[in-house]
Amino acid sequence: MGVENFQNAPAGSKRSAKRARVLLAAKLQTPFGEVDARLRDLSRKGALVECSQVPAVGTEVVFIRGSTVVPARVAWAGENRIGLEFHYMIDEHEVLVHITRRAQPKPESFRRPGLKETLSEDQRKVARAWGVAVGINLPEGKG
């Protein structure tokens, strides 16, 4: 799963920054060591992170995702999720740099060429072979 989208915060919410829902591997440096985590939601000001060891509210941690390393404070904590408030705003696109939408390859064209269209040598060979298979002789040199 990649980035779903950046959303504006709902009306009446304390959040003012756009947020992106993601599912990416991350790490947290905590007072009890480095913890593997899953980044679930990201904005310039903070993140929602899932982890097996949950630091207490107010704990200072360091959020690590790729080359982005940012100090943060645990703003809230749940059963296996925490909300981080970054000490400074980040460029969320720097964190998401590895996520790109892959361009879909153009499908191979299987259309019939037009009557006045010139054919490549390979196309002429295929046309001749087809003509022989169905009993049609194509004139030589036409294409």
N, C-alpha and C. Protein backbone atom coordinates (compact mmCIF):
# COMPACT_ATOMS: atom_id res chain seq x y z
N MET A 1 0.85 -1.18 0.00
CA MET A 1 0.00 0.00 0.00
C MET A 1 0.89 1.23 0.00
N GLY A 2 0.50 2.19 -0.77
CA GLY A 2 1.26 3.42 -0.81
C GLY A 2 0.47 4.55 -0.20
N VAL A 3 0.67 5.69 -0.72
CA VAL A 3 -0.03 6.87 -0.21
C VAL A 3 -1.44 6.87 -0.76
N GLU A 4 -2.43 7.02 0.10
CA GLU A 4 -3.80 7.14 -0.39
C GLU A 4 -4.03 8.53 -0.92
N ASN A 5 -3.76 9.55 -0.10
CA ASN A 5 -3.86 10.93 -0.55
C ASN A 5 -3.55 11.86 0.60
N PHE A 6 -3.35 13.12 0.26
CA PHE A 6 -3.20 14.12 1.29
C PHE A 6 -4.57 14.73 1.48
N GLN A 7 -4.98 14.84 2.73
CA GLN A 7 -6.31 15.36 3.02
C GLN A 7 -6.19 16.58 3.89
N ASN A 8 -7.12 17.50 3.71
CA ASN A 8 -7.20 18.61 4.65
C ASN A 8 -7.84 18.08 5.91
N ALA A 9 -7.48 18.66 7.03
CA ALA A 9 -8.05 18.24 8.30
C ALA A 9 -9.54 18.55 8.31
N PRO A 10 -10.35 17.71 8.98
CA PRO A 10 -11.77 17.95 9.05
C PRO A 10 -12.08 19.28 9.74
N ALA A 11 -13.21 19.88 9.38
CA ALA A 11 -13.61 21.14 10.00
C ALA A 11 -13.78 20.95 11.49
N GLY A 12 -13.33 21.88 12.27
CA GLY A 12 -13.44 21.79 13.72
C GLY A 12 -12.31 21.01 14.38
N SER A 13 -11.41 20.47 13.57
CA SER A 13 -10.29 19.70 14.09
C SER A 13 -9.15 20.63 14.49
N LYS A 14 -8.33 20.18 15.43
CA LYS A 14 -7.15 20.95 15.83
C LYS A 14 -6.07 20.88 14.76
N ARG A 15 -6.17 19.89 13.88
CA ARG A 15 -5.15 19.69 12.86
C ARG A 15 -5.32 20.70 11.75
N SER A 16 -4.22 21.34 11.40
CA SER A 16 -4.27 22.31 10.31
C SER A 16 -3.47 21.85 9.11
N ALA A 17 -2.65 20.84 9.27
CA ALA A 17 -1.79 20.38 8.17
C ALA A 17 -2.48 19.25 7.41
N LYS A 18 -2.17 19.16 6.12
CA LYS A 18 -2.68 18.06 5.31
C LYS A 18 -2.05 16.78 5.81
N ARG A 19 -2.79 15.67 5.71
CA ARG A 19 -2.31 14.39 6.19
C ARG A 19 -2.36 13.37 5.06
N ALA A 20 -1.41 12.44 5.08
CA ALA A 20 -1.37 11.36 4.10
C ALA A 20 -1.50 10.04 4.85
N ARG A 21 -2.43 9.21 4.40
CA ARG A 21 -2.55 7.87 4.98
C ARG A 21 -1.58 6.96 4.24
N VAL A 22 -0.74 6.28 5.00
CA VAL A 22 0.30 5.44 4.41
C VAL A 22 0.44 4.15 5.21
N LEU A 23 1.22 3.25 4.74
CA LEU A 23 1.61 2.06 5.49
C LEU A 23 3.06 1.78 5.12
N LEU A 24 3.97 2.36 5.92
CA LEU A 24 5.40 2.29 5.63
C LEU A 24 6.18 1.88 6.87
N ALA A 25 7.28 1.21 6.65
CA ALA A 25 8.16 0.85 7.75
C ALA A 25 8.89 2.10 8.26
N ALA A 26 9.05 2.17 9.56
CA ALA A 26 9.77 3.28 10.19
C ALA A 26 10.43 2.74 11.45
N LYS A 27 11.18 3.59 12.13
CA LYS A 27 11.80 3.22 13.41
C LYS A 27 11.62 4.38 14.37
N LEU A 28 11.63 4.04 15.64
CA LEU A 28 11.60 5.05 16.70
C LEU A 28 12.76 4.78 17.63
N GLN A 29 13.51 5.82 17.93
CA GLN A 29 14.51 5.70 18.99
C GLN A 29 13.82 6.19 20.26
N THR A 30 13.73 5.31 21.23
CA THR A 30 13.02 5.61 22.47
C THR A 30 13.97 5.43 23.65
N PRO A 31 13.55 5.83 24.85
CA PRO A 31 14.40 5.61 26.03
C PRO A 31 14.70 4.13 26.28
N PHE A 32 13.83 3.23 25.78
CA PHE A 32 14.08 1.80 25.99
C PHE A 32 14.64 1.12 24.74
N GLY A 33 15.22 1.90 23.84
CA GLY A 33 15.90 1.34 22.66
C GLY A 33 15.17 1.64 21.37
N GLU A 34 15.73 1.12 20.28
CA GLU A 34 15.13 1.33 18.96
C GLU A 34 13.98 0.36 18.76
N VAL A 35 12.88 0.86 18.24
CA VAL A 35 11.66 0.07 18.07
C VAL A 35 11.24 0.12 16.61
N ASP A 36 10.95 -1.05 16.03
CA ASP A 36 10.39 -1.09 14.68
C ASP A 36 8.96 -0.58 14.75
N ALA A 37 8.57 0.17 13.74
CA ALA A 37 7.24 0.77 13.75
C ALA A 37 6.66 0.79 12.35
N ARG A 38 5.36 1.05 12.28
CA ARG A 38 4.67 1.24 11.01
C ARG A 38 4.07 2.64 11.00
N LEU A 39 4.47 3.40 10.03
CA LEU A 39 3.92 4.75 9.85
C LEU A 39 2.56 4.60 9.18
N ARG A 40 1.51 5.12 9.81
CA ARG A 40 0.15 4.98 9.28
C ARG A 40 -0.42 6.29 8.74
N ASP A 41 0.03 7.41 9.28
CA ASP A 41 -0.54 8.71 8.92
C ASP A 41 0.58 9.73 9.09
N LEU A 42 0.70 10.65 8.15
CA LEU A 42 1.82 11.58 8.18
C LEU A 42 1.38 12.97 7.76
N SER A 43 1.90 13.96 8.47
CA SER A 43 1.73 15.35 8.07
C SER A 43 3.06 16.04 8.30
N ARG A 44 3.11 17.34 7.99
CA ARG A 44 4.35 18.09 8.21
C ARG A 44 4.63 18.23 9.70
N LYS A 45 3.59 18.15 10.53
CA LYS A 45 3.73 18.42 11.96
C LYS A 45 3.77 17.17 12.84
N GLY A 46 3.40 16.02 12.30
CA GLY A 46 3.37 14.84 13.15
C GLY A 46 3.02 13.58 12.39
N ALA A 47 2.84 12.51 13.17
CA ALA A 47 2.58 11.21 12.55
C ALA A 47 1.80 10.31 13.50
N LEU A 48 1.08 9.38 12.92
CA LEU A 48 0.45 8.29 13.65
C LEU A 48 1.29 7.05 13.38
N VAL A 49 1.77 6.42 14.43
CA VAL A 49 2.69 5.31 14.30
C VAL A 49 2.18 4.12 15.11
N GLU A 50 2.27 2.93 14.54
CA GLU A 50 1.98 1.69 15.26
C GLU A 50 3.29 1.06 15.69
N CYS A 51 3.35 0.59 16.92
CA CYS A 51 4.56 -0.10 17.39
C CYS A 51 4.19 -1.03 18.53
N SER A 52 5.03 -2.03 18.76
CA SER A 52 4.76 -3.03 19.80
C SER A 52 5.04 -2.49 21.21
N GLN A 53 6.04 -1.63 21.35
CA GLN A 53 6.35 -1.01 22.63
C GLN A 53 5.92 0.44 22.56
N VAL A 54 4.95 0.81 23.38
CA VAL A 54 4.38 2.16 23.31
C VAL A 54 4.97 3.05 24.39
N PRO A 55 5.70 4.10 23.99
CA PRO A 55 6.23 5.04 24.98
C PRO A 55 5.09 5.84 25.61
N ALA A 56 5.30 6.31 26.81
CA ALA A 56 4.28 7.08 27.53
C ALA A 56 4.12 8.47 26.91
N VAL A 57 2.95 9.05 27.12
CA VAL A 57 2.68 10.41 26.64
C VAL A 57 3.73 11.35 27.23
N GLY A 58 4.26 12.24 26.40
CA GLY A 58 5.27 13.19 26.83
C GLY A 58 6.70 12.71 26.61
N THR A 59 6.88 11.43 26.28
CA THR A 59 8.22 10.88 26.05
C THR A 59 8.84 11.50 24.80
N GLU A 60 10.11 11.84 24.88
CA GLU A 60 10.86 12.34 23.73
C GLU A 60 11.39 11.14 22.95
N VAL A 61 11.14 11.12 21.64
CA VAL A 61 11.60 10.03 20.78
C VAL A 61 12.21 10.66 19.52
N VAL A 62 12.82 9.80 18.71
CA VAL A 62 13.32 10.23 17.41
C VAL A 62 12.65 9.34 16.37
N PHE A 63 11.97 9.97 15.41
CA PHE A 63 11.29 9.28 14.32
C PHE A 63 12.26 9.13 13.17
N ILE A 64 12.36 7.90 12.61
CA ILE A 64 13.29 7.62 11.52
C ILE A 64 12.55 6.92 10.40
N ARG A 65 12.61 7.52 9.22
CA ARG A 65 12.05 6.90 8.01
C ARG A 65 12.99 7.27 6.87
N GLY A 66 13.72 6.29 6.37
CA GLY A 66 14.69 6.56 5.30
C GLY A 66 15.74 7.53 5.78
N SER A 67 15.94 8.60 5.03
CA SER A 67 16.94 9.59 5.42
C SER A 67 16.35 10.67 6.33
N THR A 68 15.07 10.58 6.63
CA THR A 68 14.43 11.57 7.50
C THR A 68 14.57 11.13 8.95
N VAL A 69 15.20 11.95 9.75
CA VAL A 69 15.38 11.71 11.18
C VAL A 69 14.92 12.98 11.88
N VAL A 70 13.85 12.87 12.68
CA VAL A 70 13.29 14.07 13.30
C VAL A 70 12.91 13.78 14.76
N PRO A 71 13.33 14.66 15.68
CA PRO A 71 12.92 14.49 17.08
C PRO A 71 11.43 14.80 17.22
N ALA A 72 10.79 14.09 18.14
CA ALA A 72 9.36 14.25 18.33
C ALA A 72 8.99 13.98 19.79
N ARG A 73 7.76 14.36 20.13
CA ARG A 73 7.20 14.11 21.45
C ARG A 73 5.96 13.26 21.27
N VAL A 74 5.77 12.28 22.14
CA VAL A 74 4.56 11.46 22.10
C VAL A 74 3.41 12.32 22.62
N ALA A 75 2.47 12.67 21.73
CA ALA A 75 1.35 13.54 22.09
C ALA A 75 0.21 12.73 22.72
N TRP A 76 0.02 11.51 22.25
CA TRP A 76 -1.00 10.63 22.81
C TRP A 76 -0.58 9.19 22.57
N ALA A 77 -1.11 8.28 23.34
CA ALA A 77 -0.76 6.86 23.20
C ALA A 77 -2.01 6.01 23.39
N GLY A 78 -2.11 4.96 22.61
CA GLY A 78 -3.19 3.99 22.70
C GLY A 78 -2.60 2.61 22.92
N GLU A 79 -3.38 1.59 22.62
CA GLU A 79 -2.94 0.21 22.85
C GLU A 79 -1.66 -0.13 22.10
N ASN A 80 -1.62 0.11 20.80
CA ASN A 80 -0.39 -0.15 20.04
C ASN A 80 -0.10 0.99 19.06
N ARG A 81 -0.69 2.16 19.32
CA ARG A 81 -0.50 3.32 18.44
C ARG A 81 -0.13 4.55 19.27
N ILE A 82 0.66 5.40 18.62
CA ILE A 82 1.00 6.66 19.27
C ILE A 82 0.89 7.79 18.25
N GLY A 83 0.61 8.97 18.76
CA GLY A 83 0.62 10.17 17.95
C GLY A 83 1.87 10.95 18.26
N LEU A 84 2.63 11.28 17.23
CA LEU A 84 3.87 12.03 17.42
C LEU A 84 3.67 13.47 16.99
N GLU A 85 4.24 14.37 17.75
CA GLU A 85 4.29 15.78 17.40
C GLU A 85 5.76 16.10 17.14
N PHE A 86 6.09 16.40 15.88
CA PHE A 86 7.46 16.69 15.53
C PHE A 86 7.89 18.01 16.15
N HIS A 87 9.18 18.12 16.50
CA HIS A 87 9.71 19.36 17.07
C HIS A 87 9.82 20.47 16.03
N TYR A 88 9.87 20.10 14.76
CA TYR A 88 9.87 21.09 13.68
C TYR A 88 9.13 20.48 12.50
N MET A 89 8.62 21.33 11.63
CA MET A 89 7.88 20.83 10.47
C MET A 89 8.83 20.17 9.48
N ILE A 90 8.37 19.09 8.91
CA ILE A 90 9.17 18.35 7.93
C ILE A 90 8.56 18.51 6.55
N ASP A 91 9.32 18.12 5.56
CA ASP A 91 8.80 18.03 4.20
C ASP A 91 8.30 16.60 4.04
N GLU A 92 6.97 16.42 4.10
CA GLU A 92 6.42 15.06 4.07
C GLU A 92 6.76 14.33 2.78
N HIS A 93 7.01 15.07 1.69
CA HIS A 93 7.38 14.43 0.43
C HIS A 93 8.76 13.79 0.53
N GLU A 94 9.61 14.31 1.41
CA GLU A 94 10.93 13.71 1.63
C GLU A 94 10.76 12.32 2.25
N VAL A 95 9.80 12.18 3.15
CA VAL A 95 9.53 10.88 3.78
C VAL A 95 8.93 9.92 2.76
N LEU A 96 8.10 10.44 1.87
CA LEU A 96 7.38 9.62 0.91
C LEU A 96 8.11 9.48 -0.41
N VAL A 97 9.36 9.89 -0.48
CA VAL A 97 10.11 9.93 -1.73
C VAL A 97 10.18 8.56 -2.41
N HIS A 98 10.16 7.50 -1.67
CA HIS A 98 10.29 6.17 -2.25
C HIS A 98 8.98 5.65 -2.83
N ILE A 99 7.91 6.40 -2.60
CA ILE A 99 6.62 5.97 -3.11
C ILE A 99 6.32 6.74 -4.37
N THR A 100 6.24 6.05 -5.47
CA THR A 100 5.86 6.70 -6.71
C THR A 100 4.84 5.82 -7.40
N ARG A 101 3.97 6.45 -8.10
CA ARG A 101 3.04 5.67 -8.90
C ARG A 101 3.78 5.24 -10.15
N ARG A 102 3.80 3.95 -10.38
CA ARG A 102 4.49 3.44 -11.56
C ARG A 102 3.64 3.70 -12.79
N ALA A 103 4.30 4.17 -13.80
CA ALA A 103 3.58 4.41 -15.05
C ALA A 103 3.18 3.06 -15.63
N GLN A 104 1.93 2.97 -16.03
CA GLN A 104 1.45 1.73 -16.63
C GLN A 104 2.01 1.64 -18.04
N PRO A 105 2.56 0.49 -18.40
CA PRO A 105 3.09 0.36 -19.75
C PRO A 105 1.95 0.43 -20.76
N LYS A 106 2.25 1.03 -21.92
CA LYS A 106 1.22 1.11 -22.95
C LYS A 106 0.96 -0.29 -23.48
N PRO A 107 -0.31 -0.65 -23.60
CA PRO A 107 -0.60 -1.99 -24.13
C PRO A 107 -0.17 -2.09 -25.58
N GLU A 108 0.22 -3.28 -25.97
CA GLU A 108 0.64 -3.50 -27.34
C GLU A 108 -0.55 -3.31 -28.25
N SER A 109 -0.33 -2.66 -29.37
CA SER A 109 -1.41 -2.38 -30.30
C SER A 109 -1.64 -3.59 -31.20
N PHE A 110 -2.90 -4.03 -31.27
CA PHE A 110 -3.26 -5.15 -32.14
C PHE A 110 -4.28 -4.69 -33.19
N ARG A 111 -4.20 -3.43 -33.58
CA ARG A 111 -5.16 -2.92 -34.54
C ARG A 111 -4.76 -3.29 -35.96
N ARG A 112 -5.74 -3.29 -36.85
CA ARG A 112 -5.49 -3.59 -38.25
C ARG A 112 -4.98 -2.31 -38.92
N PRO A 113 -3.91 -2.37 -39.69
CA PRO A 113 -3.41 -1.15 -40.33
C PRO A 113 -4.40 -0.62 -41.37
N GLY A 114 -4.35 0.67 -41.57
CA GLY A 114 -5.21 1.29 -42.57
C GLY A 114 -4.78 0.92 -43.98
N LEU A 115 -5.68 1.12 -44.94
CA LEU A 115 -5.39 0.74 -46.32
C LEU A 115 -4.24 1.52 -46.93
N LYS A 116 -4.11 2.77 -46.58
CA LYS A 116 -3.07 3.59 -47.19
C LYS A 116 -1.82 3.68 -46.32
N GLU A 117 -1.77 2.91 -45.28
CA GLU A 117 -0.65 2.95 -44.35
C GLU A 117 0.46 2.02 -44.84
N THR A 118 1.69 2.47 -44.78
CA THR A 118 2.81 1.61 -45.16
C THR A 118 3.16 0.70 -43.99
N LEU A 119 3.53 -0.51 -44.34
CA LEU A 119 3.85 -1.51 -43.33
C LEU A 119 5.36 -1.67 -43.21
N SER A 120 5.80 -2.00 -42.02
CA SER A 120 7.21 -2.33 -41.84
C SER A 120 7.46 -3.71 -42.46
N GLU A 121 8.72 -4.06 -42.61
CA GLU A 121 9.06 -5.36 -43.19
C GLU A 121 8.49 -6.49 -42.34
N ASP A 122 8.59 -6.36 -41.01
CA ASP A 122 8.05 -7.40 -40.12
C ASP A 122 6.53 -7.50 -40.28
N GLN A 123 5.85 -6.37 -40.39
CA GLN A 123 4.40 -6.39 -40.56
C GLN A 123 4.02 -7.03 -41.90
N ARG A 124 4.82 -6.76 -42.94
CA ARG A 124 4.55 -7.38 -44.24
C ARG A 124 4.71 -8.90 -44.16
N LYS A 125 5.73 -9.38 -43.45
CA LYS A 125 5.93 -10.83 -43.30
C LYS A 125 4.75 -11.47 -42.60
N VAL A 126 4.26 -10.81 -41.55
CA VAL A 126 3.10 -11.35 -40.82
C VAL A 126 1.88 -11.35 -41.74
N ALA A 127 1.69 -10.28 -42.51
CA ALA A 127 0.54 -10.20 -43.41
C ALA A 127 0.62 -11.30 -44.48
N ARG A 128 1.82 -11.52 -45.03
CA ARG A 128 1.98 -12.58 -46.04
C ARG A 128 1.66 -13.95 -45.45
N ALA A 129 2.19 -14.20 -44.24
CA ALA A 129 1.93 -15.50 -43.59
C ALA A 129 0.44 -15.68 -43.33
N TRP A 130 -0.21 -14.65 -42.92
CA TRP A 130 -1.65 -14.74 -42.68
C TRP A 130 -2.39 -14.97 -43.99
N GLY A 131 -1.96 -14.23 -45.03
CA GLY A 131 -2.59 -14.39 -46.34
C GLY A 131 -2.48 -15.80 -46.85
N VAL A 132 -1.30 -16.40 -46.71
CA VAL A 132 -1.10 -17.79 -47.14
C VAL A 132 -2.02 -18.71 -46.35
N ALA A 133 -2.16 -18.45 -45.03
CA ALA A 133 -2.99 -19.31 -44.18
C ALA A 133 -4.46 -19.26 -44.58
N VAL A 134 -4.92 -18.12 -45.09
CA VAL A 134 -6.34 -18.00 -45.44
C VAL A 134 -6.57 -18.03 -46.95
N GLY A 135 -5.50 -18.21 -47.74
CA GLY A 135 -5.65 -18.34 -49.19
C GLY A 135 -5.64 -17.04 -49.96
N ILE A 136 -5.02 -16.01 -49.43
CA ILE A 136 -4.93 -14.72 -50.11
C ILE A 136 -3.47 -14.46 -50.43
N ASN A 137 -3.21 -14.05 -51.68
CA ASN A 137 -1.85 -13.67 -52.05
C ASN A 137 -1.77 -12.15 -52.07
N LEU A 138 -0.84 -11.60 -51.33
CA LEU A 138 -0.62 -10.16 -51.33
C LEU A 138 0.36 -9.82 -52.42
N PRO A 139 0.11 -8.72 -53.14
CA PRO A 139 1.07 -8.35 -54.19
C PRO A 139 2.40 -7.95 -53.58
N GLU A 140 3.47 -8.31 -54.24
CA GLU A 140 4.81 -7.98 -53.76
C GLU A 140 5.05 -6.48 -53.92
N GLY A 141 5.82 -5.91 -52.99
CA GLY A 141 6.20 -4.51 -53.09
C GLY A 141 5.14 -3.57 -52.57
N LYS A 142 3.97 -4.01 -52.30
CA LYS A 142 2.93 -3.13 -51.74
C LYS A 142 3.01 -3.26 -50.22
N GLY A 143 2.72 -2.22 -49.57
CA GLY A 143 2.84 -2.38 -48.16
C GLY A 143 2.05 -1.48 -47.40
